[in-house]
Amino acid sequence: MSSAKMDYWTECVSIAAEECGLPMTQEQLEHVAGAVEGAHECYGMAFYSPPAGEHLSSEISRLKKELADERSKVVCGSCGGSGRLKYNTGPWAVDSHCSRCNGEGRHKP
């Protein structure tokens, strides 16, 4: 923790202790100041509430883009939409996924 931050929190706790008439040693003062600083850093996570719908807007945008990408795909001409390439080469038969569409049967135009 930085010295400037610790000085700030120590001063805040010291003022509050004096106002309550609470005597504190320097060690106690620094310990409480450190705890208050830690609590302050977590305050936003504990009490943040996003505006209505904010947490959904990025998810909706991502899903809309994904849907548009999926709708724009065309049937693969290499495999005819099966996602597999099958052919005979003499005594061997080959059956593998289509490299153009990655075995999905559709790809972006």
PDB file of N, CA and C in Angstrom:
ATOM      1  N   MET A   1       0.858  -1.167   0.000  1.00  0.00           N
ATOM      2  CA  MET A   1       0.000   0.000   0.000  1.00  0.00           C
ATOM      3  C   MET A   1       0.897   1.221   0.000  1.00  0.00           C
ATOM      4  N   SER A   2       0.522   2.245  -0.767  1.00  0.00           N
ATOM      5  CA  SER A   2       1.373   3.415  -0.902  1.00  0.00           C
ATOM      6  C   SER A   2       1.353   4.247   0.368  1.00  0.00           C
ATOM      7  N   SER A   3       2.443   4.955   0.582  1.00  0.00           N
ATOM      8  CA  SER A   3       2.592   5.769   1.785  1.00  0.00           C
ATOM      9  C   SER A   3       1.548   6.884   1.832  1.00  0.00           C
ATOM     10  N   ALA A   4       1.258   7.491   0.675  1.00  0.00           N
ATOM     11  CA  ALA A   4       0.280   8.579   0.641  1.00  0.00           C
ATOM     12  C   ALA A   4      -1.113   8.065   1.003  1.00  0.00           C
ATOM     13  N   LYS A   5      -1.470   6.891   0.487  1.00  0.00           N
ATOM     14  CA  LYS A   5      -2.771   6.316   0.827  1.00  0.00           C
ATOM     15  C   LYS A   5      -2.838   5.966   2.305  1.00  0.00           C
ATOM     16  N   MET A   6      -1.773   5.362   2.806  1.00  0.00           N
ATOM     17  CA  MET A   6      -1.754   4.971   4.216  1.00  0.00           C
ATOM     18  C   MET A   6      -1.828   6.206   5.106  1.00  0.00           C
ATOM     19  N   ASP A   7      -1.124   7.272   4.739  1.00  0.00           N
ATOM     20  CA  ASP A   7      -1.185   8.516   5.515  1.00  0.00           C
ATOM     21  C   ASP A   7      -2.610   9.068   5.540  1.00  0.00           C
ATOM     22  N   TYR A   8      -3.279   9.016   4.405  1.00  0.00           N
ATOM     23  CA  TYR A   8      -4.650   9.520   4.315  1.00  0.00           C
ATOM     24  C   TYR A   8      -5.569   8.744   5.252  1.00  0.00           C
ATOM     25  N   TRP A   9      -5.544   7.398   5.113  1.00  0.00           N
ATOM     26  CA  TRP A   9      -6.431   6.579   5.934  1.00  0.00           C
ATOM     27  C   TRP A   9      -6.070   6.661   7.413  1.00  0.00           C
ATOM     28  N   THR A  10      -4.787   6.771   7.738  1.00  0.00           N
ATOM     29  CA  THR A  10      -4.365   6.908   9.135  1.00  0.00           C
ATOM     30  C   THR A  10      -4.910   8.200   9.717  1.00  0.00           C
ATOM     31  N   GLU A  11      -4.848   9.261   8.925  1.00  0.00           N
ATOM     32  CA  GLU A  11      -5.370  10.543   9.396  1.00  0.00           C
ATOM     33  C   GLU A  11      -6.891  10.474   9.595  1.00  0.00           C
ATOM     34  N   CYS A  12      -7.596   9.852   8.669  1.00  0.00           N
ATOM     35  CA  CYS A  12      -9.054   9.724   8.801  1.00  0.00           C
ATOM     36  C   CYS A  12      -9.429   8.966  10.070  1.00  0.00           C
ATOM     37  N   VAL A  13      -8.773   7.845  10.305  1.00  0.00           N
ATOM     38  CA  VAL A  13      -9.068   7.034  11.485  1.00  0.00           C
ATOM     39  C   VAL A  13      -8.669   7.772  12.754  1.00  0.00           C
ATOM     40  N   SER A  14      -7.557   8.485  12.704  1.00  0.00           N
ATOM     41  CA  SER A  14      -7.086   9.251  13.870  1.00  0.00           C
ATOM     42  C   SER A  14      -8.100  10.322  14.264  1.00  0.00           C
ATOM     43  N   ILE A  15      -8.620  11.034  13.273  1.00  0.00           N
ATOM     44  CA  ILE A  15      -9.622  12.079  13.537  1.00  0.00           C
ATOM     45  C   ILE A  15     -10.884  11.461  14.134  1.00  0.00           C
ATOM     46  N   ALA A  16     -11.325  10.344  13.554  1.00  0.00           N
ATOM     47  CA  ALA A  16     -12.530   9.683  14.068  1.00  0.00           C
ATOM     48  C   ALA A  16     -12.317   9.193  15.493  1.00  0.00           C
ATOM     49  N   ALA A  17     -11.136   8.647  15.781  1.00  0.00           N
ATOM     50  CA  ALA A  17     -10.841   8.152  17.135  1.00  0.00           C
ATOM     51  C   ALA A  17     -10.826   9.305  18.133  1.00  0.00           C
ATOM     52  N   GLU A  18     -10.224  10.423  17.745  1.00  0.00           N
ATOM     53  CA  GLU A  18     -10.177  11.602  18.632  1.00  0.00           C
ATOM     54  C   GLU A  18     -11.575  12.132  18.905  1.00  0.00           C
ATOM     55  N   GLU A  19     -12.424  12.172  17.882  1.00  0.00           N
ATOM     56  CA  GLU A  19     -13.789  12.672  18.055  1.00  0.00           C
ATOM     57  C   GLU A  19     -14.592  11.787  19.010  1.00  0.00           C
ATOM     58  N   CYS A  20     -14.259  10.503  19.054  1.00  0.00           N
ATOM     59  CA  CYS A  20     -14.959   9.577  19.957  1.00  0.00           C
ATOM     60  C   CYS A  20     -14.274   9.474  21.320  1.00  0.00           C
ATOM     61  N   GLY A  21     -13.140  10.132  21.459  1.00  0.00           N
ATOM     62  CA  GLY A  21     -12.388  10.035  22.711  1.00  0.00           C
ATOM     63  C   GLY A  21     -11.756   8.664  22.889  1.00  0.00           C
ATOM     64  N   LEU A  22     -11.377   8.029  21.783  1.00  0.00           N
ATOM     65  CA  LEU A  22     -10.810   6.688  21.810  1.00  0.00           C
ATOM     66  C   LEU A  22      -9.294   6.760  21.658  1.00  0.00           C
ATOM     67  N   PRO A  23      -8.544   6.467  22.722  1.00  0.00           N
ATOM     68  CA  PRO A  23      -7.083   6.493  22.599  1.00  0.00           C
ATOM     69  C   PRO A  23      -6.597   5.258  21.828  1.00  0.00           C
ATOM     70  N   MET A  24      -5.668   5.472  20.890  1.00  0.00           N
ATOM     71  CA  MET A  24      -5.128   4.372  20.095  1.00  0.00           C
ATOM     72  C   MET A  24      -3.622   4.509  19.995  1.00  0.00           C
ATOM     73  N   THR A  25      -2.928   3.377  20.031  1.00  0.00           N
ATOM     74  CA  THR A  25      -1.492   3.391  19.797  1.00  0.00           C
ATOM     75  C   THR A  25      -1.263   3.568  18.299  1.00  0.00           C
ATOM     76  N   GLN A  26      -0.052   3.901  17.917  1.00  0.00           N
ATOM     77  CA  GLN A  26       0.276   4.067  16.495  1.00  0.00           C
ATOM     78  C   GLN A  26       0.064   2.760  15.748  1.00  0.00           C
ATOM     79  N   GLU A  27       0.395   1.638  16.373  1.00  0.00           N
ATOM     80  CA  GLU A  27       0.223   0.331  15.747  1.00  0.00           C
ATOM     81  C   GLU A  27      -1.264   0.037  15.518  1.00  0.00           C
ATOM     82  N   GLN A  28      -2.097   0.332  16.513  1.00  0.00           N
ATOM     83  CA  GLN A  28      -3.540   0.125  16.364  1.00  0.00           C
ATOM     84  C   GLN A  28      -4.107   1.026  15.274  1.00  0.00           C
ATOM     85  N   LEU A  29      -3.661   2.265  15.275  1.00  0.00           N
ATOM     86  CA  LEU A  29      -4.113   3.240  14.288  1.00  0.00           C
ATOM     87  C   LEU A  29      -3.776   2.767  12.873  1.00  0.00           C
ATOM     88  N   GLU A  30      -2.553   2.287  12.660  1.00  0.00           N
ATOM     89  CA  GLU A  30      -2.134   1.820  11.335  1.00  0.00           C
ATOM     90  C   GLU A  30      -2.878   0.555  10.923  1.00  0.00           C
ATOM     91  N   HIS A  31      -3.140  -0.328  11.873  1.00  0.00           N
ATOM     92  CA  HIS A  31      -3.874  -1.554  11.570  1.00  0.00           C
ATOM     93  C   HIS A  31      -5.308  -1.230  11.129  1.00  0.00           C
ATOM     94  N   VAL A  32      -5.985  -0.374  11.879  1.00  0.00           N
ATOM     95  CA  VAL A  32      -7.356   0.000  11.533  1.00  0.00           C
ATOM     96  C   VAL A  32      -7.372   0.755  10.206  1.00  0.00           C
ATOM     97  N   ALA A  33      -6.402   1.631   9.984  1.00  0.00           N
ATOM     98  CA  ALA A  33      -6.324   2.387   8.727  1.00  0.00           C
ATOM     99  C   ALA A  33      -6.139   1.432   7.546  1.00  0.00           C
ATOM    100  N   GLY A  34      -5.313   0.412   7.708  1.00  0.00           N
ATOM    101  CA  GLY A  34      -5.117  -0.579   6.646  1.00  0.00           C
ATOM    102  C   GLY A  34      -6.398  -1.340   6.361  1.00  0.00           C
ATOM    103  N   ALA A  35      -7.146  -1.693   7.395  1.00  0.00           N
ATOM    104  CA  ALA A  35      -8.408  -2.404   7.216  1.00  0.00           C
ATOM    105  C   ALA A  35      -9.435  -1.524   6.511  1.00  0.00           C
ATOM    106  N   VAL A  36      -9.476  -0.254   6.870  1.00  0.00           N
ATOM    107  CA  VAL A  36     -10.418   0.673   6.233  1.00  0.00           C
ATOM    108  C   VAL A  36     -10.058   0.854   4.765  1.00  0.00           C
ATOM    109  N   GLU A  37      -8.762   0.952   4.470  1.00  0.00           N
ATOM    110  CA  GLU A  37      -8.347   1.095   3.071  1.00  0.00           C
ATOM    111  C   GLU A  37      -8.756  -0.129   2.258  1.00  0.00           C
ATOM    112  N   GLY A  38      -8.550  -1.322   2.813  1.00  0.00           N
ATOM    113  CA  GLY A  38      -8.940  -2.554   2.122  1.00  0.00           C
ATOM    114  C   GLY A  38     -10.437  -2.607   1.882  1.00  0.00           C
ATOM    115  N   ALA A  39     -11.212  -2.205   2.885  1.00  0.00           N
ATOM    116  CA  ALA A  39     -12.669  -2.195   2.739  1.00  0.00           C
ATOM    117  C   ALA A  39     -13.094  -1.191   1.676  1.00  0.00           C
ATOM    118  N   HIS A  40     -12.423  -0.044   1.648  1.00  0.00           N
ATOM    119  CA  HIS A  40     -12.750   0.988   0.664  1.00  0.00           C
ATOM    120  C   HIS A  40     -12.505   0.493  -0.762  1.00  0.00           C
ATOM    121  N   GLU A  41     -11.412  -0.261  -0.970  1.00  0.00           N
ATOM    122  CA  GLU A  41     -11.082  -0.769  -2.304  1.00  0.00           C
ATOM    123  C   GLU A  41     -12.120  -1.775  -2.795  1.00  0.00           C
ATOM    124  N   CYS A  42     -12.787  -2.470  -1.884  1.00  0.00           N
ATOM    125  CA  CYS A  42     -13.790  -3.472  -2.254  1.00  0.00           C
ATOM    126  C   CYS A  42     -15.206  -2.908  -2.293  1.00  0.00           C
ATOM    127  N   TYR A  43     -15.374  -1.653  -1.925  1.00  0.00           N
ATOM    128  CA  TYR A  43     -16.703  -1.056  -1.824  1.00  0.00           C
ATOM    129  C   TYR A  43     -17.464  -1.139  -3.148  1.00  0.00           C
ATOM    130  N   GLY A  44     -16.792  -0.806  -4.246  1.00  0.00           N
ATOM    131  CA  GLY A  44     -17.445  -0.802  -5.559  1.00  0.00           C
ATOM    132  C   GLY A  44     -17.954  -2.168  -5.956  1.00  0.00           C
ATOM    133  N   MET A  45     -17.185  -3.218  -5.629  1.00  0.00           N
ATOM    134  CA  MET A  45     -17.628  -4.564  -5.968  1.00  0.00           C
ATOM    135  C   MET A  45     -18.814  -4.986  -5.106  1.00  0.00           C
ATOM    136  N   ALA A  46     -18.840  -4.536  -3.873  1.00  0.00           N
ATOM    137  CA  ALA A  46     -19.895  -4.954  -2.951  1.00  0.00           C
ATOM    138  C   ALA A  46     -21.226  -4.257  -3.224  1.00  0.00           C
ATOM    139  N   PHE A  47     -21.185  -2.997  -3.664  1.00  0.00           N
ATOM    140  CA  PHE A  47     -22.423  -2.228  -3.763  1.00  0.00           C
ATOM    141  C   PHE A  47     -22.753  -1.723  -5.159  1.00  0.00           C
ATOM    142  N   TYR A  48     -22.012  -2.133  -6.176  1.00  0.00           N
ATOM    143  CA  TYR A  48     -22.282  -1.674  -7.540  1.00  0.00           C
ATOM    144  C   TYR A  48     -23.530  -2.352  -8.072  1.00  0.00           C
ATOM    145  N   SER A  49     -24.382  -1.598  -8.685  1.00  0.00           N
ATOM    146  CA  SER A  49     -25.514  -2.177  -9.403  1.00  0.00           C
ATOM    147  C   SER A  49     -25.611  -1.455 -10.741  1.00  0.00           C
ATOM    148  N   PRO A  50     -25.466  -2.199 -11.826  1.00  0.00           N
ATOM    149  CA  PRO A  50     -25.477  -1.572 -13.144  1.00  0.00           C
ATOM    150  C   PRO A  50     -26.848  -1.010 -13.481  1.00  0.00           C
ATOM    151  N   PRO A  51     -26.889  -0.006 -14.334  1.00  0.00           N
ATOM    152  CA  PRO A  51     -28.184   0.497 -14.791  1.00  0.00           C
ATOM    153  C   PRO A  51     -28.970  -0.638 -15.448  1.00  0.00           C
ATOM    154  N   ALA A  52     -30.270  -0.528 -15.432  1.00  0.00           N
ATOM    155  CA  ALA A  52     -31.133  -1.592 -15.958  1.00  0.00           C
ATOM    156  C   ALA A  52     -30.721  -1.974 -17.374  1.00  0.00           C
ATOM    157  N   GLY A  53     -30.477  -3.245 -17.588  1.00  0.00           N
ATOM    158  CA  GLY A  53     -30.155  -3.759 -18.909  1.00  0.00           C
ATOM    159  C   GLY A  53     -28.709  -3.637 -19.324  1.00  0.00           C
ATOM    160  N   GLU A  54     -27.879  -2.929 -18.551  1.00  0.00           N
ATOM    161  CA  GLU A  54     -26.481  -2.731 -18.963  1.00  0.00           C
ATOM    162  C   GLU A  54     -25.739  -4.053 -19.075  1.00  0.00           C
ATOM    163  N   HIS A  55     -25.972  -4.946 -18.137  1.00  0.00           N
ATOM    164  CA  HIS A  55     -25.261  -6.212 -18.159  1.00  0.00           C
ATOM    165  C   HIS A  55     -25.709  -7.106 -19.310  1.00  0.00           C
ATOM    166  N   LEU A  56     -26.861  -6.828 -19.887  1.00  0.00           N
ATOM    167  CA  LEU A  56     -27.347  -7.634 -20.993  1.00  0.00           C
ATOM    168  C   LEU A  56     -26.985  -7.067 -22.354  1.00  0.00           C
ATOM    169  N   SER A  57     -26.721  -5.770 -22.451  1.00  0.00           N
ATOM    170  CA  SER A  57     -26.512  -5.145 -23.758  1.00  0.00           C
ATOM    171  C   SER A  57     -25.324  -5.736 -24.513  1.00  0.00           C
ATOM    172  N   SER A  58     -24.216  -5.997 -23.835  1.00  0.00           N
ATOM    173  CA  SER A  58     -23.064  -6.563 -24.536  1.00  0.00           C
ATOM    174  C   SER A  58     -23.344  -7.994 -24.963  1.00  0.00           C
ATOM    175  N   GLU A  59     -24.062  -8.748 -24.139  1.00  0.00           N
ATOM    176  CA  GLU A  59     -24.414 -10.121 -24.494  1.00  0.00           C
ATOM    177  C   GLU A  59     -25.365 -10.136 -25.690  1.00  0.00           C
ATOM    178  N   ILE A  60     -26.325  -9.235 -25.717  1.00  0.00           N
ATOM    179  CA  ILE A  60     -27.273  -9.149 -26.836  1.00  0.00           C
ATOM    180  C   ILE A  60     -26.537  -8.773 -28.119  1.00  0.00           C
ATOM    181  N   SER A  61     -25.628  -7.810 -28.037  1.00  0.00           N
ATOM    182  CA  SER A  61     -24.852  -7.401 -29.218  1.00  0.00           C
ATOM    183  C   SER A  61     -24.028  -8.559 -29.752  1.00  0.00           C
ATOM    184  N   ARG A  62     -23.387  -9.299 -28.861  1.00  0.00           N
ATOM    185  CA  ARG A  62     -22.569 -10.434 -29.271  1.00  0.00           C
ATOM    186  C   ARG A  62     -23.431 -11.499 -29.952  1.00  0.00           C
ATOM    187  N   LEU A  63     -24.582 -11.792 -29.383  1.00  0.00           N
ATOM    188  CA  LEU A  63     -25.458 -12.805 -29.963  1.00  0.00           C
ATOM    189  C   LEU A  63     -26.036 -12.375 -31.301  1.00  0.00           C
ATOM    190  N   LYS A  64     -26.358 -11.069 -31.460  1.00  0.00           N
ATOM    191  CA  LYS A  64     -26.851 -10.566 -32.746  1.00  0.00           C
ATOM    192  C   LYS A  64     -25.796 -10.722 -33.825  1.00  0.00           C
ATOM    193  N   LYS A  65     -24.551 -10.408 -33.499  1.00  0.00           N
ATOM    194  CA  LYS A  65     -23.456 -10.547 -34.462  1.00  0.00           C
ATOM    195  C   LYS A  65     -23.257 -12.013 -34.829  1.00  0.00           C
ATOM    196  N   GLU A  66     -23.299 -12.881 -33.826  1.00  0.00           N
ATOM    197  CA  GLU A  66     -23.140 -14.310 -34.066  1.00  0.00           C
ATOM    198  C   GLU A  66     -24.258 -14.843 -34.973  1.00  0.00           C
ATOM    199  N   LEU A  67     -25.484 -14.392 -34.749  1.00  0.00           N
ATOM    200  CA  LEU A  67     -26.616 -14.815 -35.573  1.00  0.00           C
ATOM    201  C   LEU A  67     -26.462 -14.307 -37.005  1.00  0.00           C
ATOM    202  N   ALA A  68     -26.056 -13.048 -37.166  1.00  0.00           N
ATOM    203  CA  ALA A  68     -25.862 -12.492 -38.513  1.00  0.00           C
ATOM    204  C   ALA A  68     -24.770 -13.257 -39.254  1.00  0.00           C
ATOM    205  N   ASP A  69     -23.678 -13.594 -38.548  1.00  0.00           N
ATOM    206  CA  ASP A  69     -22.600 -14.371 -39.168  1.00  0.00           C
ATOM    207  C   ASP A  69     -23.103 -15.739 -39.606  1.00  0.00           C
ATOM    208  N   GLU A  70     -23.897 -16.365 -38.746  1.00  0.00           N
ATOM    209  CA  GLU A  70     -24.416 -17.706 -39.061  1.00  0.00           C
ATOM    210  C   GLU A  70     -25.373 -17.646 -40.245  1.00  0.00           C
ATOM    211  N   ARG A  71     -26.209 -16.632 -40.309  1.00  0.00           N
ATOM    212  CA  ARG A  71     -27.165 -16.501 -41.410  1.00  0.00           C
ATOM    213  C   ARG A  71     -26.486 -16.196 -42.741  1.00  0.00           C
ATOM    214  N   SER A  72     -25.315 -15.575 -42.685  1.00  0.00           N
ATOM    215  CA  SER A  72     -24.622 -15.210 -43.926  1.00  0.00           C
ATOM    216  C   SER A  72     -23.854 -16.381 -44.541  1.00  0.00           C
ATOM    217  N   LYS A  73     -23.711 -17.474 -43.825  1.00  0.00           N
ATOM    218  CA  LYS A  73     -22.961 -18.619 -44.341  1.00  0.00           C
ATOM    219  C   LYS A  73     -23.693 -19.274 -45.499  1.00  0.00           C
ATOM    220  N   VAL A  74     -22.889 -19.840 -46.419  1.00  0.00           N
ATOM    221  CA  VAL A  74     -23.435 -20.541 -47.588  1.00  0.00           C
ATOM    222  C   VAL A  74     -23.009 -22.005 -47.524  1.00  0.00           C
ATOM    223  N   VAL A  75     -23.744 -22.847 -48.242  1.00  0.00           N
ATOM    224  CA  VAL A  75     -23.412 -24.271 -48.294  1.00  0.00           C
ATOM    225  C   VAL A  75     -22.064 -24.425 -48.991  1.00  0.00           C
ATOM    226  N   CYS A  76     -21.230 -25.243 -48.434  1.00  0.00           N
ATOM    227  CA  CYS A  76     -19.883 -25.465 -48.982  1.00  0.00           C
ATOM    228  C   CYS A  76     -19.969 -26.209 -50.312  1.00  0.00           C
ATOM    229  N   GLY A  77     -19.335 -25.655 -51.323  1.00  0.00           N
ATOM    230  CA  GLY A  77     -19.337 -26.284 -52.650  1.00  0.00           C
ATOM    231  C   GLY A  77     -18.380 -27.452 -52.734  1.00  0.00           C
ATOM    232  N   SER A  78     -17.384 -27.491 -51.875  1.00  0.00           N
ATOM    233  CA  SER A  78     -16.397 -28.579 -51.928  1.00  0.00           C
ATOM    234  C   SER A  78     -16.970 -29.901 -51.439  1.00  0.00           C
ATOM    235  N   CYS A  79     -17.750 -29.865 -50.368  1.00  0.00           N
ATOM    236  CA  CYS A  79     -18.278 -31.107 -49.785  1.00  0.00           C
ATOM    237  C   CYS A  79     -19.780 -31.240 -49.960  1.00  0.00           C
ATOM    238  N   GLY A  80     -20.425 -30.231 -50.573  1.00  0.00           N
ATOM    239  CA  GLY A  80     -21.862 -30.278 -50.797  1.00  0.00           C
ATOM    240  C   GLY A  80     -22.680 -30.141 -49.529  1.00  0.00           C
ATOM    241  N   GLY A  81     -22.070 -29.611 -48.479  1.00  0.00           N
ATOM    242  CA  GLY A  81     -22.779 -29.392 -47.229  1.00  0.00           C
ATOM    243  C   GLY A  81     -22.667 -30.527 -46.231  1.00  0.00           C
ATOM    244  N   SER A  82     -21.959 -31.592 -46.591  1.00  0.00           N
ATOM    245  CA  SER A  82     -21.842 -32.733 -45.671  1.00  0.00           C
ATOM    246  C   SER A  82     -20.737 -32.523 -44.635  1.00  0.00           C
ATOM    247  N   GLY A  83     -19.765 -31.698 -44.961  1.00  0.00           N
ATOM    248  CA  GLY A  83     -18.633 -31.480 -44.064  1.00  0.00           C
ATOM    249  C   GLY A  83     -17.559 -32.540 -44.191  1.00  0.00           C
ATOM    250  N   ARG A  84     -17.772 -33.519 -45.053  1.00  0.00           N
ATOM    251  CA  ARG A  84     -16.830 -34.623 -45.245  1.00  0.00           C
ATOM    252  C   ARG A  84     -16.425 -34.707 -46.714  1.00  0.00           C
ATOM    253  N   LEU A  85     -15.197 -35.095 -46.940  1.00  0.00           N
ATOM    254  CA  LEU A  85     -14.702 -35.354 -48.295  1.00  0.00           C
ATOM    255  C   LEU A  85     -14.435 -36.844 -48.406  1.00  0.00           C
ATOM    256  N   LYS A  86     -15.071 -37.473 -49.391  1.00  0.00           N
ATOM    257  CA  LYS A  86     -14.894 -38.912 -49.603  1.00  0.00           C
ATOM    258  C   LYS A  86     -14.509 -39.134 -51.063  1.00  0.00           C
ATOM    259  N   TYR A  87     -13.416 -39.824 -51.253  1.00  0.00           N
ATOM    260  CA  TYR A  87     -13.015 -40.163 -52.618  1.00  0.00           C
ATOM    261  C   TYR A  87     -12.076 -41.367 -52.588  1.00  0.00           C
ATOM    262  N   ASN A  88     -12.003 -42.034 -53.732  1.00  0.00           N
ATOM    263  CA  ASN A  88     -11.142 -43.199 -53.872  1.00  0.00           C
ATOM    264  C   ASN A  88      -9.916 -42.818 -54.674  1.00  0.00           C
ATOM    265  N   THR A  89      -8.782 -43.264 -54.235  1.00  0.00           N
ATOM    266  CA  THR A  89      -7.530 -43.036 -54.968  1.00  0.00           C
ATOM    267  C   THR A  89      -6.880 -44.393 -55.200  1.00  0.00           C
ATOM    268  N   GLY A  90      -7.363 -45.044 -56.205  1.00  0.00           N
ATOM    269  CA  GLY A  90      -6.845 -46.385 -56.503  1.00  0.00           C
ATOM    270  C   GLY A  90      -7.316 -47.356 -55.436  1.00  0.00           C
ATOM    271  N   PRO A  91      -6.390 -48.032 -54.788  1.00  0.00           N
ATOM    272  CA  PRO A  91      -6.788 -49.032 -53.785  1.00  0.00           C
ATOM    273  C   PRO A  91      -7.165 -48.410 -52.428  1.00  0.00           C
ATOM    274  N   TRP A  92      -7.016 -47.085 -52.274  1.00  0.00           N
ATOM    275  CA  TRP A  92      -7.313 -46.448 -50.996  1.00  0.00           C
ATOM    276  C   TRP A  92      -8.563 -45.580 -51.076  1.00  0.00           C
ATOM    277  N   ALA A  93      -9.312 -45.563 -50.008  1.00  0.00           N
ATOM    278  CA  ALA A  93     -10.465 -44.673 -49.907  1.00  0.00           C
ATOM    279  C   ALA A  93     -10.137 -43.625 -48.844  1.00  0.00           C
ATOM    280  N   VAL A  94     -10.474 -42.397 -49.161  1.00  0.00           N
ATOM    281  CA  VAL A  94     -10.187 -41.303 -48.231  1.00  0.00           C
ATOM    282  C   VAL A  94     -11.506 -40.727 -47.721  1.00  0.00           C
ATOM    283  N   ASP A  95     -11.582 -40.553 -46.423  1.00  0.00           N
ATOM    284  CA  ASP A  95     -12.751 -39.943 -45.783  1.00  0.00           C
ATOM    285  C   ASP A  95     -12.217 -38.989 -44.713  1.00  0.00           C
ATOM    286  N   SER A  96     -12.334 -37.694 -44.971  1.00  0.00           N
ATOM    287  CA  SER A  96     -11.819 -36.709 -44.004  1.00  0.00           C
ATOM    288  C   SER A  96     -12.744 -35.508 -43.946  1.00  0.00           C
ATOM    289  N   HIS A  97     -12.516 -34.671 -42.963  1.00  0.00           N
ATOM    290  CA  HIS A  97     -13.351 -33.469 -42.890  1.00  0.00           C
ATOM    291  C   HIS A  97     -12.928 -32.487 -43.974  1.00  0.00           C
ATOM    292  N   CYS A  98     -13.856 -31.689 -44.403  1.00  0.00           N
ATOM    293  CA  CYS A  98     -13.607 -30.718 -45.467  1.00  0.00           C
ATOM    294  C   CYS A  98     -12.760 -29.571 -44.918  1.00  0.00           C
ATOM    295  N   SER A  99     -11.686 -29.263 -45.617  1.00  0.00           N
ATOM    296  CA  SER A  99     -10.800 -28.197 -45.142  1.00  0.00           C
ATOM    297  C   SER A  99     -11.357 -26.801 -45.430  1.00  0.00           C
ATOM    298  N   ARG A 100     -12.252 -26.693 -46.389  1.00  0.00           N
ATOM    299  CA  ARG A 100     -12.797 -25.375 -46.719  1.00  0.00           C
ATOM    300  C   ARG A 100     -13.797 -24.887 -45.662  1.00  0.00           C
ATOM    301  N   CYS A 101     -14.624 -25.801 -45.159  1.00  0.00           N
ATOM    302  CA  CYS A 101     -15.641 -25.413 -44.176  1.00  0.00           C
ATOM    303  C   CYS A 101     -15.332 -25.952 -42.774  1.00  0.00           C
ATOM    304  N   ASN A 102     -14.179 -26.580 -42.611  1.00  0.00           N
ATOM    305  CA  ASN A 102     -13.782 -27.183 -41.330  1.00  0.00           C
ATOM    306  C   ASN A 102     -14.773 -28.225 -40.839  1.00  0.00           C
ATOM    307  N   GLY A 103     -15.401 -28.929 -41.766  1.00  0.00           N
ATOM    308  CA  GLY A 103     -16.321 -29.994 -41.403  1.00  0.00           C
ATOM    309  C   GLY A 103     -17.702 -29.537 -40.981  1.00  0.00           C
ATOM    310  N   GLU A 104     -18.002 -28.245 -41.165  1.00  0.00           N
ATOM    311  CA  GLU A 104     -19.308 -27.729 -40.753  1.00  0.00           C
ATOM    312  C   GLU A 104     -20.350 -27.805 -41.870  1.00  0.00           C
ATOM    313  N   GLY A 105     -19.913 -27.909 -43.116  1.00  0.00           N
ATOM    314  CA  GLY A 105     -20.847 -27.978 -44.235  1.00  0.00           C
ATOM    315  C   GLY A 105     -21.253 -26.607 -44.752  1.00  0.00           C
ATOM    316  N   ARG A 106     -20.917 -25.557 -44.021  1.00  0.00           N
ATOM    317  CA  ARG A 106     -21.229 -24.176 -44.425  1.00  0.00           C
ATOM    318  C   ARG A 106     -20.035 -23.287 -44.090  1.00  0.00           C
ATOM    319  N   HIS A 107     -19.895 -22.210 -44.828  1.00  0.00           N
ATOM    320  CA  HIS A 107     -18.796 -21.284 -44.559  1.00  0.00           C
ATOM    321  C   HIS A 107     -19.204 -19.872 -44.977  1.00  0.00           C
ATOM    322  N   LYS A 108     -18.414 -18.910 -44.571  1.00  0.00           N
ATOM    323  CA  LYS A 108     -18.673 -17.520 -44.970  1.00  0.00           C
ATOM    324  C   LYS A 108     -18.368 -17.376 -46.447  1.00  0.00           C
ATOM    325  N   PRO A 109     -19.165 -16.583 -47.149  1.00  0.00           N
ATOM    326  CA  PRO A 109     -18.950 -16.426 -48.599  1.00  0.00           C
ATOM    327  C   PRO A 109     -17.657 -15.700 -48.917  1.00  0.00           C
TER     328      PRO A 109
END
